[in-house]
């Protein structure tokens, strides 16, 4: 019989303040957003740093690499997926639309 080694450290989060958790979550969201700019703008040469200032400097210093095709495709799929999410929220019976929209976006973008 295999042993289970669970740490069960989830209780630690109870000791962190709500402001700390919100700040951490917002920081992670900003970092993920900035890293997604690479693909959205079609930038080839990008910094390996994760701080906000170096990433923004890298984005704006490589304007000549921005691809209008990548920007149009990225924004189009973003609008498509947000619209599908709104439909799913307004009509709960159509919950599956947001999942299908994500899968459809991935398949179509790979084909493009």
C-alpha atoms as a PDB file:
ATOM      1  CA  UNK A   1       0.000   0.000   0.000  1.00  0.00           C
ATOM      2  CA  UNK A   2       1.436   3.352  -1.043  1.00  0.00           C
ATOM      3  CA  UNK A   3       1.913   6.077   1.528  1.00  0.00           C
ATOM      4  CA  UNK A   4       0.386   9.470   0.983  1.00  0.00           C
ATOM      5  CA  UNK A   5       2.608  12.422   1.871  1.00  0.00           C
ATOM      6  CA  UNK A   6       0.375  15.443   2.081  1.00  0.00           C
ATOM      7  CA  UNK A   7       1.602  18.619   3.698  1.00  0.00           C
ATOM      8  CA  UNK A   8      -1.818  20.175   4.277  1.00  0.00           C
ATOM      9  CA  UNK A   9      -0.376  23.664   4.579  1.00  0.00           C
ATOM     10  CA  UNK A  10      -3.454  25.436   3.271  1.00  0.00           C
ATOM     11  CA  UNK A  11      -4.196  26.725   6.764  1.00  0.00           C
ATOM     12  CA  UNK A  12      -1.233  29.128   6.431  1.00  0.00           C
ATOM     13  CA  UNK A  13      -3.295  31.277   4.095  1.00  0.00           C
ATOM     14  CA  UNK A  14      -5.618  32.025   7.012  1.00  0.00           C
ATOM     15  CA  UNK A  15      -2.770  33.957   8.657  1.00  0.00           C
ATOM     16  CA  UNK A  16      -2.265  36.288   5.691  1.00  0.00           C
ATOM     17  CA  UNK A  17      -4.275  39.478   5.534  1.00  0.00           C
ATOM     18  CA  UNK A  18      -6.800  40.033   2.774  1.00  0.00           C
ATOM     19  CA  UNK A  19      -4.746  42.992   1.520  1.00  0.00           C
ATOM     20  CA  UNK A  20      -1.673  40.740   1.189  1.00  0.00           C
ATOM     21  CA  UNK A  21      -3.624  38.151  -0.800  1.00  0.00           C
ATOM     22  CA  UNK A  22      -5.163  40.790  -3.070  1.00  0.00           C
ATOM     23  CA  UNK A  23      -1.760  42.391  -3.630  1.00  0.00           C
ATOM     24  CA  UNK A  24      -0.169  39.048  -4.435  1.00  0.00           C
ATOM     25  CA  UNK A  25      -2.976  38.127  -6.842  1.00  0.00           C
ATOM     26  CA  UNK A  26      -2.851  41.524  -8.558  1.00  0.00           C
ATOM     27  CA  UNK A  27       0.933  41.264  -8.903  1.00  0.00           C
ATOM     28  CA  UNK A  28       0.676  37.840 -10.486  1.00  0.00           C
ATOM     29  CA  UNK A  29      -2.030  39.089 -12.855  1.00  0.00           C
ATOM     30  CA  UNK A  30       0.152  42.013 -13.962  1.00  0.00           C
ATOM     31  CA  UNK A  31       3.154  39.752 -14.575  1.00  0.00           C
ATOM     32  CA  UNK A  32       1.068  37.274 -16.585  1.00  0.00           C
ATOM     33  CA  UNK A  33      -0.460  40.119 -18.624  1.00  0.00           C
ATOM     34  CA  UNK A  34       2.928  41.632 -19.398  1.00  0.00           C
ATOM     35  CA  UNK A  35       4.341  38.265 -20.439  1.00  0.00           C
ATOM     36  CA  UNK A  36       1.356  37.752 -22.754  1.00  0.00           C
ATOM     37  CA  UNK A  37       2.307  40.963 -24.566  1.00  0.00           C
ATOM     38  CA  UNK A  38       5.103  38.992 -26.232  1.00  0.00           C
ATOM     39  CA  UNK A  39       2.627  36.884 -28.162  1.00  0.00           C
ATOM     40  CA  UNK A  40      -0.043  39.546 -28.564  1.00  0.00           C
ATOM     41  CA  UNK A  41       2.373  41.980 -30.175  1.00  0.00           C
ATOM     42  CA  UNK A  42       4.390  39.321 -32.017  1.00  0.00           C
ATOM     43  CA  UNK A  43       7.678  40.378 -30.417  1.00  0.00           C
ATOM     44  CA  UNK A  44      10.617  38.052 -31.093  1.00  0.00           C
ATOM     45  CA  UNK A  45      13.355  39.597 -28.920  1.00  0.00           C
ATOM     46  CA  UNK A  46      12.151  40.118 -25.373  1.00  0.00           C
ATOM     47  CA  UNK A  47      13.677  40.528 -21.923  1.00  0.00           C
ATOM     48  CA  UNK A  48      13.979  37.558 -19.559  1.00  0.00           C
ATOM     49  CA  UNK A  49      13.312  39.785 -16.543  1.00  0.00           C
ATOM     50  CA  UNK A  50       9.973  39.667 -14.768  1.00  0.00           C
ATOM     51  CA  UNK A  51       9.844  43.192 -13.308  1.00  0.00           C
ATOM     52  CA  UNK A  52       7.327  45.668 -14.716  1.00  0.00           C
ATOM     53  CA  UNK A  53       9.784  48.387 -15.806  1.00  0.00           C
ATOM     54  CA  UNK A  54      12.185  46.122 -17.787  1.00  0.00           C
ATOM     55  CA  UNK A  55       9.266  44.368 -19.478  1.00  0.00           C
ATOM     56  CA  UNK A  56       7.619  47.657 -20.508  1.00  0.00           C
ATOM     57  CA  UNK A  57      10.986  49.019 -21.705  1.00  0.00           C
ATOM     58  CA  UNK A  58      11.446  45.879 -23.786  1.00  0.00           C
ATOM     59  CA  UNK A  59       7.928  46.134 -25.255  1.00  0.00           C
ATOM     60  CA  UNK A  60       8.337  49.762 -26.319  1.00  0.00           C
ATOM     61  CA  UNK A  61      11.969  49.473 -27.438  1.00  0.00           C
ATOM     62  CA  UNK A  62      10.980  46.694 -29.860  1.00  0.00           C
ATOM     63  CA  UNK A  63       8.087  48.543 -31.554  1.00  0.00           C
ATOM     64  CA  UNK A  64       9.592  47.681 -34.927  1.00  0.00           C
ATOM     65  CA  UNK A  65       8.891  43.983 -34.171  1.00  0.00           C
ATOM     66  CA  UNK A  66       5.199  44.498 -33.423  1.00  0.00           C
ATOM     67  CA  UNK A  67       3.081  42.484 -35.817  1.00  0.00           C
ATOM     68  CA  UNK A  68      -0.269  44.022 -36.734  1.00  0.00           C
ATOM     69  CA  UNK A  69      -1.492  40.546 -37.781  1.00  0.00           C
ATOM     70  CA  UNK A  70      -0.734  39.104 -34.344  1.00  0.00           C
ATOM     71  CA  UNK A  71      -2.401  42.093 -32.666  1.00  0.00           C
ATOM     72  CA  UNK A  72      -5.580  41.760 -34.748  1.00  0.00           C
ATOM     73  CA  UNK A  73      -5.795  37.997 -34.225  1.00  0.00           C
ATOM     74  CA  UNK A  74      -5.097  38.295 -30.488  1.00  0.00           C
ATOM     75  CA  UNK A  75      -7.660  41.025 -29.895  1.00  0.00           C
ATOM     76  CA  UNK A  76     -10.239  39.234 -32.049  1.00  0.00           C
ATOM     77  CA  UNK A  77      -9.932  36.010 -30.060  1.00  0.00           C
ATOM     78  CA  UNK A  78      -9.981  37.947 -26.792  1.00  0.00           C
ATOM     79  CA  UNK A  79     -13.248  39.653 -27.793  1.00  0.00           C
ATOM     80  CA  UNK A  80     -14.636  36.299 -28.985  1.00  0.00           C
ATOM     81  CA  UNK A  81     -13.833  34.559 -25.689  1.00  0.00           C
ATOM     82  CA  UNK A  82     -15.110  37.447 -23.538  1.00  0.00           C
ATOM     83  CA  UNK A  83     -18.343  37.523 -25.554  1.00  0.00           C
ATOM     84  CA  UNK A  84     -18.773  33.770 -25.092  1.00  0.00           C
ATOM     85  CA  UNK A  85     -18.213  34.203 -21.355  1.00  0.00           C
ATOM     86  CA  UNK A  86     -20.872  36.923 -21.182  1.00  0.00           C
ATOM     87  CA  UNK A  87     -23.343  34.662 -22.985  1.00  0.00           C
ATOM     88  CA  UNK A  88     -22.573  31.858 -20.530  1.00  0.00           C
ATOM     89  CA  UNK A  89     -23.075  34.182 -17.558  1.00  0.00           C
ATOM     90  CA  UNK A  90     -26.360  35.600 -18.842  1.00  0.00           C
ATOM     91  CA  UNK A  91     -27.792  32.207 -19.802  1.00  0.00           C
ATOM     92  CA  UNK A  92     -26.521  29.515 -17.405  1.00  0.00           C
ATOM     93  CA  UNK A  93     -27.926  26.740 -19.604  1.00  0.00           C
ATOM     94  CA  UNK A  94     -25.344  27.776 -22.197  1.00  0.00           C
ATOM     95  CA  UNK A  95     -22.422  27.292 -19.782  1.00  0.00           C
ATOM     96  CA  UNK A  96     -20.613  25.146 -22.330  1.00  0.00           C
ATOM     97  CA  UNK A  97     -20.189  28.023 -24.801  1.00  0.00           C
ATOM     98  CA  UNK A  98     -17.235  29.555 -22.946  1.00  0.00           C
ATOM     99  CA  UNK A  99     -15.401  26.211 -22.871  1.00  0.00           C
ATOM    100  CA  UNK A 100     -16.059  25.621 -26.560  1.00  0.00           C
ATOM    101  CA  UNK A 101     -14.952  29.174 -27.361  1.00  0.00           C
ATOM    102  CA  UNK A 102     -11.581  28.585 -25.707  1.00  0.00           C
ATOM    103  CA  UNK A 103     -11.056  25.314 -27.553  1.00  0.00           C
ATOM    104  CA  UNK A 104     -12.211  26.856 -30.825  1.00  0.00           C
ATOM    105  CA  UNK A 105      -9.846  29.799 -30.344  1.00  0.00           C
ATOM    106  CA  UNK A 106      -6.882  27.500 -29.815  1.00  0.00           C
ATOM    107  CA  UNK A 107      -7.685  25.350 -32.851  1.00  0.00           C
ATOM    108  CA  UNK A 108      -8.355  28.273 -35.210  1.00  0.00           C
ATOM    109  CA  UNK A 109      -5.297  30.219 -34.033  1.00  0.00           C
ATOM    110  CA  UNK A 110      -3.078  27.166 -34.604  1.00  0.00           C
ATOM    111  CA  UNK A 111      -4.489  26.818 -38.118  1.00  0.00           C
ATOM    112  CA  UNK A 112      -3.895  30.506 -38.824  1.00  0.00           C
END
